[in-house]
Amino acid sequence: MFLKDTKADGVFCETYLVESENYDSAVQVRIDHNRIIPEHLLTRGCGYGTGTNLLISRAVVGEDVFDESMRLFIDLDWLYHVSQRADLRVMHEALTYYHKAPMRAGDYIGARVQVFMNKYKAHLKTWPFYKRLQVYSCMNWYIAHAYEGNGHYINAARHFFLGILQSPFRNPRQYLHPF
């Protein structure tokens, strides 16, 4: 009904984050706006998920497929491209559960961030300098969380610090765990 009422191309619902086998400890992930803004996906990160909590018209997706050569950030890349041409709304009701997998190694995430940034290098050159810094900050945030999740606190602190330097006015809550 929500999709029909809004006449949007697609809809995200909020989700519950589950970090253990205990679903009673699930925490609702709230999205702080009413539509998916493409720029925010790169400057703030993709805390929505893209699999279980997205309903979108096949006609809108068209021929846009996942870029499997990326190995990580595939869903972020896909959603960014789709959201540039689609009106994706947010339904502020949690209808799914997202089971958070163990963190990958920080070095692995760092290498995948490099692949992602190389793909977007030319695109980001068209953005204002401060917006590009927000993207770099977001990527350092991903790397920092990976290091932190694996107990590599010095590397985590280094990437958190870089993230803060690159975007000092970012919402401080974003420097904590993503959910």
C-alpha atoms as a PDB file:
ATOM      1  CA  MET A   1       0.000   0.000   0.000  1.00  0.00           C
ATOM      2  CA  PHE A   2       2.839   2.400   0.876  1.00  0.00           C
ATOM      3  CA  LEU A   3       4.416   2.040  -2.559  1.00  0.00           C
ATOM      4  CA  LYS A   4       1.096   2.603  -4.280  1.00  0.00           C
ATOM      5  CA  ASP A   5       0.214   5.605  -2.076  1.00  0.00           C
ATOM      6  CA  THR A   6       3.541   7.362  -2.632  1.00  0.00           C
ATOM      7  CA  LYS A   7       3.699   6.557  -6.360  1.00  0.00           C
ATOM      8  CA  ALA A   8       7.434   5.970  -5.855  1.00  0.00           C
ATOM      9  CA  ASP A   9       9.625   3.706  -7.977  1.00  0.00           C
ATOM     10  CA  GLY A  10      10.734   1.730  -4.960  1.00  0.00           C
ATOM     11  CA  VAL A  11      10.560   1.568  -1.183  1.00  0.00           C
ATOM     12  CA  PHE A  12      12.953   0.760   1.640  1.00  0.00           C
ATOM     13  CA  CYS A  13      11.644  -0.347   4.971  1.00  0.00           C
ATOM     14  CA  GLU A  14      13.608   0.040   8.160  1.00  0.00           C
ATOM     15  CA  THR A  15      15.110  -3.131   9.616  1.00  0.00           C
ATOM     16  CA  TYR A  16      16.133  -4.768  12.868  1.00  0.00           C
ATOM     17  CA  LEU A  17      19.850  -5.351  13.417  1.00  0.00           C
ATOM     18  CA  VAL A  18      20.713  -8.693  14.985  1.00  0.00           C
ATOM     19  CA  GLU A  19      24.321  -9.114  16.150  1.00  0.00           C
ATOM     20  CA  SER A  20      23.951 -12.517  17.807  1.00  0.00           C
ATOM     21  CA  GLU A  21      21.669 -15.520  17.634  1.00  0.00           C
ATOM     22  CA  ASN A  22      19.356 -13.787  20.107  1.00  0.00           C
ATOM     23  CA  TYR A  23      16.675 -12.044  18.051  1.00  0.00           C
ATOM     24  CA  ASP A  24      15.245 -10.581  21.262  1.00  0.00           C
ATOM     25  CA  SER A  25      18.266  -8.258  21.369  1.00  0.00           C
ATOM     26  CA  ALA A  26      17.556  -6.866  17.878  1.00  0.00           C
ATOM     27  CA  VAL A  27      17.763  -3.083  17.568  1.00  0.00           C
ATOM     28  CA  GLN A  28      15.691  -1.157  15.046  1.00  0.00           C
ATOM     29  CA  VAL A  29      17.799   0.683  12.474  1.00  0.00           C
ATOM     30  CA  ARG A  30      16.151   4.009  11.821  1.00  0.00           C
ATOM     31  CA  ILE A  31      16.586   5.961   8.602  1.00  0.00           C
ATOM     32  CA  ASP A  32      16.554   9.682   9.246  1.00  0.00           C
ATOM     33  CA  HIS A  33      14.983  10.827   5.986  1.00  0.00           C
ATOM     34  CA  ASN A  34      12.018   9.951   3.775  1.00  0.00           C
ATOM     35  CA  ARG A  35      13.754   9.169   0.494  1.00  0.00           C
ATOM     36  CA  ILE A  36      17.043   7.714  -0.624  1.00  0.00           C
ATOM     37  CA  ILE A  37      19.358  10.513  -1.735  1.00  0.00           C
ATOM     38  CA  PRO A  38      22.090   9.241  -4.088  1.00  0.00           C
ATOM     39  CA  GLU A  39      24.743  11.636  -2.803  1.00  0.00           C
ATOM     40  CA  HIS A  40      24.142  10.482   0.781  1.00  0.00           C
ATOM     41  CA  LEU A  41      24.966   6.906  -0.201  1.00  0.00           C
ATOM     42  CA  LEU A  42      28.532   8.001  -0.925  1.00  0.00           C
ATOM     43  CA  THR A  43      28.953  10.726   1.691  1.00  0.00           C
ATOM     44  CA  ARG A  44      27.201   9.042   4.630  1.00  0.00           C
ATOM     45  CA  GLY A  45      27.362   5.370   3.734  1.00  0.00           C
ATOM     46  CA  CYS A  46      24.738   2.794   3.060  1.00  0.00           C
ATOM     47  CA  GLY A  47      23.246   1.759   6.364  1.00  0.00           C
ATOM     48  CA  TYR A  48      20.017   0.655   4.747  1.00  0.00           C
ATOM     49  CA  GLY A  49      20.957  -2.683   3.298  1.00  0.00           C
ATOM     50  CA  THR A  50      19.827  -3.353  -0.230  1.00  0.00           C
ATOM     51  CA  GLY A  51      18.652  -6.905  -0.308  1.00  0.00           C
ATOM     52  CA  THR A  52      15.921  -7.793   2.115  1.00  0.00           C
ATOM     53  CA  ASN A  53      14.405  -4.382   2.712  1.00  0.00           C
ATOM     54  CA  LEU A  54      14.074  -2.946  -0.805  1.00  0.00           C
ATOM     55  CA  LEU A  55      11.097  -3.344  -3.089  1.00  0.00           C
ATOM     56  CA  ILE A  56      11.630  -1.775  -6.483  1.00  0.00           C
ATOM     57  CA  SER A  57      10.003  -1.918  -9.882  1.00  0.00           C
ATOM     58  CA  ARG A  58      11.831  -4.137 -12.355  1.00  0.00           C
ATOM     59  CA  ALA A  59      11.211  -1.500 -15.025  1.00  0.00           C
ATOM     60  CA  VAL A  60      13.237   1.001 -12.990  1.00  0.00           C
ATOM     61  CA  VAL A  61      16.147  -1.385 -12.491  1.00  0.00           C
ATOM     62  CA  GLY A  62      16.263  -2.110 -16.197  1.00  0.00           C
ATOM     63  CA  GLU A  63      19.605  -3.478 -17.332  1.00  0.00           C
ATOM     64  CA  ASP A  64      21.501  -2.207 -14.290  1.00  0.00           C
ATOM     65  CA  VAL A  65      23.175  -5.233 -12.720  1.00  0.00           C
ATOM     66  CA  PHE A  66      25.676  -5.738  -9.940  1.00  0.00           C
ATOM     67  CA  ASP A  67      29.313  -5.082 -10.864  1.00  0.00           C
ATOM     68  CA  GLU A  68      30.738  -8.373  -9.636  1.00  0.00           C
ATOM     69  CA  SER A  69      34.308  -7.265 -10.324  1.00  0.00           C
ATOM     70  CA  MET A  70      34.167  -5.091  -7.211  1.00  0.00           C
ATOM     71  CA  ARG A  71      33.871  -7.997  -4.690  1.00  0.00           C
ATOM     72  CA  LEU A  72      32.741  -5.555  -1.956  1.00  0.00           C
ATOM     73  CA  PHE A  73      30.519  -2.470  -1.992  1.00  0.00           C
ATOM     74  CA  ILE A  74      28.674  -4.104  -4.888  1.00  0.00           C
ATOM     75  CA  ASP A  75      25.293  -3.258  -3.393  1.00  0.00           C
ATOM     76  CA  LEU A  76      26.315   0.337  -2.661  1.00  0.00           C
ATOM     77  CA  ASP A  77      27.504   0.780  -6.239  1.00  0.00           C
ATOM     78  CA  TRP A  78      24.290  -0.725  -7.656  1.00  0.00           C
ATOM     79  CA  LEU A  79      22.010   1.267  -5.376  1.00  0.00           C
ATOM     80  CA  TYR A  80      23.827   4.508  -6.182  1.00  0.00           C
ATOM     81  CA  HIS A  81      23.273   4.004  -9.922  1.00  0.00           C
ATOM     82  CA  VAL A  82      19.636   3.010  -9.526  1.00  0.00           C
ATOM     83  CA  SER A  83      18.847   5.810  -7.066  1.00  0.00           C
ATOM     84  CA  GLN A  84      20.093   8.439  -9.512  1.00  0.00           C
ATOM     85  CA  ARG A  85      17.138   7.733 -11.772  1.00  0.00           C
ATOM     86  CA  ALA A  86      14.551   6.374  -9.344  1.00  0.00           C
ATOM     87  CA  ASP A  87      12.383   7.849  -6.630  1.00  0.00           C
ATOM     88  CA  LEU A  88      13.110   5.543  -3.679  1.00  0.00           C
ATOM     89  CA  ARG A  89      11.091   6.257  -0.543  1.00  0.00           C
ATOM     90  CA  VAL A  90      11.584   5.133   3.045  1.00  0.00           C
ATOM     91  CA  MET A  91       8.837   3.460   5.026  1.00  0.00           C
ATOM     92  CA  HIS A  92       9.552   4.076   8.705  1.00  0.00           C
ATOM     93  CA  GLU A  93       8.564   0.631   9.852  1.00  0.00           C
ATOM     94  CA  ALA A  94      10.943  -2.294  10.442  1.00  0.00           C
ATOM     95  CA  LEU A  95       9.768  -5.300   8.469  1.00  0.00           C
ATOM     96  CA  THR A  96      13.031  -7.265   8.133  1.00  0.00           C
ATOM     97  CA  TYR A  97      15.914  -8.562  10.220  1.00  0.00           C
ATOM     98  CA  TYR A  98      19.534  -7.936   9.221  1.00  0.00           C
ATOM     99  CA  HIS A  99      21.930 -10.423  10.741  1.00  0.00           C
ATOM    100  CA  LYS A 100      25.277  -8.707  10.996  1.00  0.00           C
ATOM    101  CA  ALA A 101      28.097 -10.958   9.830  1.00  0.00           C
ATOM    102  CA  PRO A 102      31.517 -10.916  11.485  1.00  0.00           C
ATOM    103  CA  MET A 103      33.713  -8.025  10.359  1.00  0.00           C
ATOM    104  CA  ARG A 104      36.187  -8.638   7.553  1.00  0.00           C
ATOM    105  CA  ALA A 105      39.831  -7.714   8.069  1.00  0.00           C
ATOM    106  CA  GLY A 106      40.684  -4.024   7.836  1.00  0.00           C
ATOM    107  CA  ASP A 107      43.326  -4.606   5.157  1.00  0.00           C
ATOM    108  CA  TYR A 108      40.745  -6.419   3.028  1.00  0.00           C
ATOM    109  CA  ILE A 109      38.228  -3.585   3.422  1.00  0.00           C
ATOM    110  CA  GLY A 110      40.947  -1.030   2.649  1.00  0.00           C
ATOM    111  CA  ALA A 111      41.830  -2.799  -0.604  1.00  0.00           C
ATOM    112  CA  ARG A 112      38.157  -2.958  -1.625  1.00  0.00           C
ATOM    113  CA  VAL A 113      37.684   0.731  -0.783  1.00  0.00           C
ATOM    114  CA  GLN A 114      40.555   1.467  -3.174  1.00  0.00           C
ATOM    115  CA  VAL A 115      38.788  -0.466  -5.961  1.00  0.00           C
ATOM    116  CA  PHE A 116      35.556   1.407  -5.248  1.00  0.00           C
ATOM    117  CA  MET A 117      37.276   4.803  -5.191  1.00  0.00           C
ATOM    118  CA  ASN A 118      39.122   4.061  -8.446  1.00  0.00           C
ATOM    119  CA  LYS A 119      35.790   3.296 -10.101  1.00  0.00           C
ATOM    120  CA  TYR A 120      34.333   6.609  -8.904  1.00  0.00           C
ATOM    121  CA  LYS A 121      37.462   8.738  -9.375  1.00  0.00           C
ATOM    122  CA  ALA A 122      36.312  10.546 -12.540  1.00  0.00           C
ATOM    123  CA  HIS A 123      32.751  10.907 -11.237  1.00  0.00           C
ATOM    124  CA  LEU A 124      33.881  12.451  -7.952  1.00  0.00           C
ATOM    125  CA  LYS A 125      36.093  14.998  -9.741  1.00  0.00           C
ATOM    126  CA  THR A 126      32.874  16.736 -10.792  1.00  0.00           C
ATOM    127  CA  TRP A 127      31.859  17.152  -7.129  1.00  0.00           C
ATOM    128  CA  PRO A 128      32.900  20.078  -4.925  1.00  0.00           C
ATOM    129  CA  PHE A 129      36.046  19.433  -2.894  1.00  0.00           C
ATOM    130  CA  TYR A 130      34.239  19.298   0.460  1.00  0.00           C
ATOM    131  CA  LYS A 131      31.815  16.642  -0.877  1.00  0.00           C
ATOM    132  CA  ARG A 132      34.728  14.501  -2.085  1.00  0.00           C
ATOM    133  CA  LEU A 133      36.241  14.761   1.385  1.00  0.00           C
ATOM    134  CA  GLN A 134      32.961  13.490   2.833  1.00  0.00           C
ATOM    135  CA  VAL A 135      33.207  10.416   0.587  1.00  0.00           C
ATOM    136  CA  TYR A 136      36.821   9.801   1.691  1.00  0.00           C
ATOM    137  CA  SER A 137      35.712  10.234   5.295  1.00  0.00           C
ATOM    138  CA  CYS A 138      32.951   7.687   4.836  1.00  0.00           C
ATOM    139  CA  MET A 139      35.381   5.185   3.313  1.00  0.00           C
ATOM    140  CA  ASN A 140      37.862   5.672   6.158  1.00  0.00           C
ATOM    141  CA  TRP A 141      34.968   5.050   8.528  1.00  0.00           C
ATOM    142  CA  TYR A 142      34.288   1.673   6.866  1.00  0.00           C
ATOM    143  CA  ILE A 143      37.952   0.725   7.180  1.00  0.00           C
ATOM    144  CA  ALA A 144      38.135   1.887  10.801  1.00  0.00           C
ATOM    145  CA  HIS A 145      35.152  -0.236  11.798  1.00  0.00           C
ATOM    146  CA  ALA A 146      36.704  -3.278  10.139  1.00  0.00           C
ATOM    147  CA  TYR A 147      39.937  -2.803  12.075  1.00  0.00           C
ATOM    148  CA  GLU A 148      38.034  -2.145  15.292  1.00  0.00           C
ATOM    149  CA  GLY A 149      35.871  -5.230  14.810  1.00  0.00           C
ATOM    150  CA  ASN A 150      39.002  -7.367  14.594  1.00  0.00           C
ATOM    151  CA  GLY A 151      40.760  -5.805  17.578  1.00  0.00           C
ATOM    152  CA  HIS A 152      43.267  -3.710  15.603  1.00  0.00           C
ATOM    153  CA  TYR A 153      42.636  -0.543  17.561  1.00  0.00           C
ATOM    154  CA  ILE A 154      45.668   1.484  16.450  1.00  0.00           C
ATOM    155  CA  ASN A 155      44.754   1.088  12.774  1.00  0.00           C
ATOM    156  CA  ALA A 156      41.114   1.766  13.651  1.00  0.00           C
ATOM    157  CA  ALA A 157      42.068   4.975  15.457  1.00  0.00           C
ATOM    158  CA  ARG A 158      44.200   6.087  12.498  1.00  0.00           C
ATOM    159  CA  HIS A 159      41.293   5.681  10.060  1.00  0.00           C
ATOM    160  CA  PHE A 160      38.793   7.262  12.434  1.00  0.00           C
ATOM    161  CA  PHE A 161      41.156  10.215  12.796  1.00  0.00           C
ATOM    162  CA  LEU A 162      41.501  10.519   9.003  1.00  0.00           C
ATOM    163  CA  GLY A 163      37.727  10.371   8.695  1.00  0.00           C
ATOM    164  CA  ILE A 164      37.307  13.163  11.219  1.00  0.00           C
ATOM    165  CA  LEU A 165      39.937  15.314   9.483  1.00  0.00           C
ATOM    166  CA  GLN A 166      38.258  14.800   6.117  1.00  0.00           C
ATOM    167  CA  SER A 167      34.790  15.639   7.383  1.00  0.00           C
ATOM    168  CA  PRO A 168      34.936  17.344  10.785  1.00  0.00           C
ATOM    169  CA  PHE A 169      31.293  18.451  10.708  1.00  0.00           C
ATOM    170  CA  ARG A 170      29.928  14.994  10.089  1.00  0.00           C
ATOM    171  CA  ASN A 171      27.307  13.776  12.526  1.00  0.00           C
ATOM    172  CA  PRO A 172      29.352  12.477  15.507  1.00  0.00           C
ATOM    173  CA  ARG A 173      27.008   9.496  15.803  1.00  0.00           C
ATOM    174  CA  GLN A 174      28.405   8.260  12.503  1.00  0.00           C
ATOM    175  CA  TYR A 175      31.806   7.719  14.139  1.00  0.00           C
ATOM    176  CA  LEU A 176      30.275   5.094  16.395  1.00  0.00           C
ATOM    177  CA  HIS A 177      29.119   1.714  15.157  1.00  0.00           C
ATOM    178  CA  PRO A 178      27.110   2.108  11.953  1.00  0.00           C
ATOM    179  CA  PHE A 179      23.882   0.860  13.470  1.00  0.00           C
END
